[in-house]
């Protein structure tokens, strides 16, 4: 079961991704627009935000969950660059005595 906080956070991230996609979808070059969505999310979203969005897509590959969903443009942009959006794993730290 998902907690209300996580649902609200996911919905907020989806709304933000759709707003970004709506802005860049207006570019005359479709590929540039798709790349710009990816670049904006990679540069300006905290790793936890990117991870939460990608986790949502793992659970909902079509980008839809009831009334919450990614626009087709946002979904395509994110899917095109999924591996690059996944935050790097934190390096393991060794504990010495």
N, C-alpha and C. Protein backbone atom coordinates (compact mmCIF):
# COMPACT_ATOMS: atom_id res chain seq x y z
N UNK A 1 0.84 -1.19 0.00
CA UNK A 1 0.00 0.00 0.00
C UNK A 1 0.89 1.25 0.00
N UNK A 2 0.53 2.21 -0.80
CA UNK A 2 1.30 3.44 -0.91
C UNK A 2 0.77 4.46 0.10
N UNK A 3 1.69 5.16 0.72
CA UNK A 3 1.27 6.18 1.69
C UNK A 3 0.83 7.43 0.93
N UNK A 4 -0.09 8.22 1.51
CA UNK A 4 -0.56 9.43 0.83
C UNK A 4 0.57 10.39 0.48
N UNK A 5 1.59 10.49 1.34
CA UNK A 5 2.71 11.39 1.06
C UNK A 5 3.40 11.00 -0.25
N UNK A 6 3.64 9.70 -0.44
CA UNK A 6 4.30 9.25 -1.66
C UNK A 6 3.44 9.50 -2.88
N UNK A 7 2.14 9.30 -2.76
CA UNK A 7 1.24 9.55 -3.88
C UNK A 7 1.28 11.02 -4.25
N UNK A 8 1.20 11.90 -3.25
CA UNK A 8 1.23 13.34 -3.52
C UNK A 8 2.56 13.76 -4.12
N UNK A 9 3.65 13.19 -3.63
CA UNK A 9 4.97 13.52 -4.17
C UNK A 9 5.08 13.06 -5.61
N UNK A 10 4.63 11.85 -5.90
CA UNK A 10 4.68 11.33 -7.25
C UNK A 10 3.81 12.18 -8.17
N UNK A 11 2.63 12.53 -7.74
CA UNK A 11 1.75 13.36 -8.56
C UNK A 11 2.39 14.72 -8.84
N UNK A 12 3.07 15.27 -7.84
CA UNK A 12 3.74 16.56 -8.03
C UNK A 12 4.88 16.43 -9.05
N UNK A 13 5.65 15.34 -8.96
CA UNK A 13 6.74 15.13 -9.91
C UNK A 13 6.22 14.95 -11.33
N UNK A 14 5.12 14.23 -11.45
CA UNK A 14 4.53 14.02 -12.78
C UNK A 14 4.02 15.34 -13.34
N UNK A 15 3.39 16.13 -12.49
CA UNK A 15 2.90 17.44 -12.94
C UNK A 15 4.08 18.31 -13.41
N UNK A 16 5.17 18.30 -12.65
CA UNK A 16 6.34 19.09 -13.03
C UNK A 16 6.93 18.58 -14.35
N UNK A 17 7.05 17.25 -14.50
CA UNK A 17 7.60 16.68 -15.73
C UNK A 17 6.72 17.06 -16.92
N UNK A 18 5.40 17.04 -16.74
CA UNK A 18 4.49 17.42 -17.82
C UNK A 18 4.62 18.90 -18.18
N UNK A 19 4.84 19.75 -17.18
CA UNK A 19 5.02 21.18 -17.45
C UNK A 19 6.31 21.41 -18.24
N UNK A 20 7.36 20.74 -17.84
CA UNK A 20 8.64 20.85 -18.56
C UNK A 20 8.46 20.35 -19.99
N UNK A 21 7.81 19.20 -20.14
CA UNK A 21 7.59 18.64 -21.47
C UNK A 21 6.73 19.57 -22.32
N UNK A 22 5.71 20.17 -21.72
CA UNK A 22 4.86 21.10 -22.46
C UNK A 22 5.63 22.29 -23.00
N UNK A 23 6.58 22.76 -22.22
CA UNK A 23 7.40 23.89 -22.66
C UNK A 23 8.28 23.48 -23.85
N UNK A 24 8.99 22.38 -23.70
CA UNK A 24 9.95 21.98 -24.74
C UNK A 24 9.29 21.33 -25.95
N UNK A 25 8.07 20.86 -25.81
CA UNK A 25 7.36 20.28 -26.95
C UNK A 25 7.09 21.33 -28.02
N UNK A 26 7.07 22.60 -27.62
CA UNK A 26 6.82 23.69 -28.56
C UNK A 26 8.00 23.98 -29.48
N UNK A 27 9.17 23.41 -29.17
CA UNK A 27 10.33 23.64 -30.04
C UNK A 27 10.07 23.06 -31.42
N UNK A 28 10.55 23.72 -32.47
CA UNK A 28 10.30 23.22 -33.83
C UNK A 28 10.97 21.87 -34.11
N UNK A 29 12.08 21.59 -33.47
CA UNK A 29 12.79 20.32 -33.66
C UNK A 29 12.37 19.36 -32.55
N UNK A 30 11.58 18.35 -32.91
CA UNK A 30 11.05 17.40 -31.92
C UNK A 30 12.15 16.73 -31.12
N UNK A 31 13.22 16.27 -31.79
CA UNK A 31 14.31 15.59 -31.09
C UNK A 31 14.99 16.52 -30.10
N UNK A 32 15.16 17.77 -30.48
CA UNK A 32 15.75 18.75 -29.56
C UNK A 32 14.84 18.94 -28.34
N UNK A 33 13.54 18.96 -28.56
CA UNK A 33 12.59 19.09 -27.46
C UNK A 33 12.66 17.92 -26.51
N UNK A 34 12.71 16.70 -27.05
CA UNK A 34 12.81 15.51 -26.21
C UNK A 34 14.10 15.52 -25.41
N UNK A 35 15.19 15.86 -26.06
CA UNK A 35 16.50 15.92 -25.39
C UNK A 35 16.50 17.01 -24.31
N UNK A 36 15.83 18.11 -24.58
CA UNK A 36 15.79 19.22 -23.62
C UNK A 36 15.02 18.84 -22.36
N UNK A 37 13.96 18.05 -22.50
CA UNK A 37 13.22 17.57 -21.32
C UNK A 37 14.15 16.75 -20.46
N UNK A 38 14.83 15.79 -21.09
CA UNK A 38 15.79 14.93 -20.37
C UNK A 38 16.86 15.78 -19.70
N UNK A 39 17.46 16.71 -20.43
CA UNK A 39 18.56 17.52 -19.88
C UNK A 39 18.09 18.35 -18.69
N UNK A 40 16.90 18.90 -18.79
CA UNK A 40 16.39 19.72 -17.70
C UNK A 40 16.20 18.87 -16.43
N UNK A 41 15.59 17.72 -16.59
CA UNK A 41 15.36 16.85 -15.43
C UNK A 41 16.70 16.38 -14.86
N UNK A 42 17.63 16.02 -15.71
CA UNK A 42 18.94 15.55 -15.23
C UNK A 42 19.69 16.65 -14.49
N UNK A 43 19.65 17.86 -15.01
CA UNK A 43 20.43 18.96 -14.42
C UNK A 43 19.79 19.55 -13.16
N UNK A 44 18.47 19.64 -13.14
CA UNK A 44 17.82 20.44 -12.10
C UNK A 44 17.04 19.64 -11.07
N UNK A 45 16.81 18.37 -11.31
CA UNK A 45 16.10 17.56 -10.33
C UNK A 45 17.09 16.84 -9.44
N UNK A 46 16.80 16.84 -8.16
CA UNK A 46 17.62 16.11 -7.20
C UNK A 46 17.55 14.61 -7.53
N UNK A 47 18.62 13.86 -7.27
CA UNK A 47 18.61 12.43 -7.57
C UNK A 47 17.40 11.68 -7.01
N UNK A 48 16.95 12.03 -5.81
CA UNK A 48 15.78 11.34 -5.24
C UNK A 48 14.52 11.61 -6.06
N UNK A 49 14.42 12.79 -6.63
CA UNK A 49 13.26 13.11 -7.46
C UNK A 49 13.29 12.26 -8.74
N UNK A 50 14.46 12.18 -9.35
CA UNK A 50 14.59 11.37 -10.57
C UNK A 50 14.31 9.90 -10.27
N UNK A 51 14.83 9.41 -9.15
CA UNK A 51 14.62 8.01 -8.76
C UNK A 51 13.13 7.74 -8.54
N UNK A 52 12.43 8.65 -7.90
CA UNK A 52 11.00 8.48 -7.64
C UNK A 52 10.21 8.42 -8.95
N UNK A 53 10.56 9.28 -9.90
CA UNK A 53 9.89 9.28 -11.19
C UNK A 53 10.15 7.97 -11.93
N UNK A 54 11.38 7.50 -11.91
CA UNK A 54 11.72 6.25 -12.59
C UNK A 54 11.08 5.05 -11.87
N UNK A 55 10.98 5.10 -10.56
CA UNK A 55 10.29 4.04 -9.82
C UNK A 55 8.81 3.99 -10.22
N UNK A 56 8.21 5.15 -10.38
CA UNK A 56 6.82 5.22 -10.85
C UNK A 56 6.69 4.54 -12.21
N UNK A 57 7.63 4.81 -13.10
CA UNK A 57 7.57 4.20 -14.44
C UNK A 57 7.81 2.70 -14.41
N UNK A 58 8.58 2.22 -13.46
CA UNK A 58 8.76 0.77 -13.33
C UNK A 58 7.44 0.11 -12.95
N UNK A 59 6.67 0.78 -12.11
CA UNK A 59 5.38 0.25 -11.68
C UNK A 59 4.29 0.49 -12.72
N UNK A 60 4.44 1.56 -13.50
CA UNK A 60 3.43 1.96 -14.49
C UNK A 60 4.14 2.30 -15.80
N UNK A 61 4.54 1.29 -16.57
CA UNK A 61 5.32 1.53 -17.79
C UNK A 61 4.64 2.45 -18.80
N UNK A 62 3.32 2.53 -18.75
CA UNK A 62 2.62 3.42 -19.68
C UNK A 62 2.55 4.85 -19.16
N UNK A 63 3.10 5.07 -17.95
CA UNK A 63 3.13 6.41 -17.37
C UNK A 63 1.81 6.87 -16.81
N UNK A 64 0.85 5.95 -16.67
CA UNK A 64 -0.49 6.31 -16.21
C UNK A 64 -0.85 5.55 -14.95
N UNK A 65 -1.48 6.25 -14.01
CA UNK A 65 -1.99 5.63 -12.80
C UNK A 65 -3.26 6.37 -12.40
N UNK A 66 -4.37 5.89 -12.90
CA UNK A 66 -5.64 6.57 -12.62
C UNK A 66 -5.66 7.94 -13.26
N UNK A 67 -5.92 8.95 -12.46
CA UNK A 67 -5.98 10.32 -12.98
C UNK A 67 -4.60 10.96 -13.11
N UNK A 68 -3.58 10.30 -12.59
CA UNK A 68 -2.22 10.82 -12.62
C UNK A 68 -1.48 10.16 -13.79
N UNK A 69 -0.86 10.98 -14.62
CA UNK A 69 -0.13 10.37 -15.72
C UNK A 69 0.77 11.35 -16.45
N UNK A 70 1.81 10.79 -17.03
CA UNK A 70 2.74 11.58 -17.84
C UNK A 70 2.14 11.84 -19.22
N UNK A 71 2.42 12.99 -19.76
CA UNK A 71 2.02 13.26 -21.14
C UNK A 71 2.82 12.34 -22.06
N UNK A 72 2.34 12.15 -23.25
CA UNK A 72 3.05 11.29 -24.22
C UNK A 72 4.46 11.82 -24.48
N UNK A 73 4.62 13.13 -24.56
CA UNK A 73 5.92 13.73 -24.84
C UNK A 73 6.87 13.52 -23.67
N UNK A 74 6.38 13.74 -22.44
CA UNK A 74 7.21 13.53 -21.25
C UNK A 74 7.62 12.08 -21.15
N UNK A 75 6.68 11.17 -21.38
CA UNK A 75 6.96 9.74 -21.30
C UNK A 75 8.03 9.34 -22.31
N UNK A 76 7.91 9.82 -23.53
CA UNK A 76 8.90 9.49 -24.56
C UNK A 76 10.27 10.04 -24.20
N UNK A 77 10.33 11.27 -23.75
CA UNK A 77 11.62 11.89 -23.39
C UNK A 77 12.29 11.12 -22.25
N UNK A 78 11.53 10.75 -21.25
CA UNK A 78 12.09 10.03 -20.11
C UNK A 78 12.50 8.62 -20.51
N UNK A 79 11.65 7.94 -21.25
CA UNK A 79 11.99 6.58 -21.69
C UNK A 79 13.22 6.56 -22.59
N UNK A 80 13.41 7.59 -23.40
CA UNK A 80 14.58 7.65 -24.29
C UNK A 80 15.89 7.74 -23.51
N UNK A 81 15.83 8.23 -22.28
CA UNK A 81 17.05 8.49 -21.51
C UNK A 81 16.99 7.91 -20.10
N UNK A 82 16.21 6.85 -19.92
CA UNK A 82 16.02 6.26 -18.59
C UNK A 82 17.33 5.94 -17.88
N UNK A 83 18.24 5.30 -18.59
CA UNK A 83 19.50 4.88 -17.95
C UNK A 83 20.31 6.09 -17.49
N UNK A 84 20.26 7.17 -18.25
CA UNK A 84 21.03 8.37 -17.90
C UNK A 84 20.38 9.16 -16.77
N UNK A 85 19.08 8.96 -16.57
CA UNK A 85 18.39 9.68 -15.49
C UNK A 85 18.51 8.97 -14.15
N UNK A 86 18.80 7.67 -14.18
CA UNK A 86 18.90 6.92 -12.93
C UNK A 86 20.10 7.43 -12.16
N UNK A 87 19.91 7.88 -10.93
CA UNK A 87 21.04 8.38 -10.12
C UNK A 87 22.07 7.28 -9.89
N UNK A 88 23.32 7.66 -9.87
CA UNK A 88 24.40 6.71 -9.60
C UNK A 88 24.28 6.23 -8.16
N UNK A 89 24.61 4.98 -7.97
CA UNK A 89 24.59 4.43 -6.61
C UNK A 89 25.68 5.10 -5.79
N UNK A 90 25.36 5.33 -4.55
CA UNK A 90 26.35 5.94 -3.65
C UNK A 90 27.49 4.96 -3.44
N UNK A 91 28.73 5.44 -3.47
CA UNK A 91 29.86 4.52 -3.24
C UNK A 91 29.82 3.95 -1.84
N UNK A 92 30.18 2.71 -1.74
CA UNK A 92 30.21 2.05 -0.43
C UNK A 92 31.37 2.60 0.37
N UNK A 93 31.15 2.78 1.63
CA UNK A 93 32.21 3.27 2.52
C UNK A 93 32.64 2.12 3.40
N UNK A 94 33.92 2.00 3.58
CA UNK A 94 34.41 0.92 4.44
C UNK A 94 34.59 1.45 5.85
N UNK A 95 34.33 0.59 6.77
CA UNK A 95 34.48 0.95 8.18
C UNK A 95 35.75 0.24 8.69
N UNK A 96 36.66 1.03 9.22
CA UNK A 96 37.88 0.46 9.76
C UNK A 96 37.91 0.68 11.26
N UNK A 97 38.50 -0.24 11.95
CA UNK A 97 38.59 -0.12 13.41
C UNK A 97 39.90 0.46 13.84
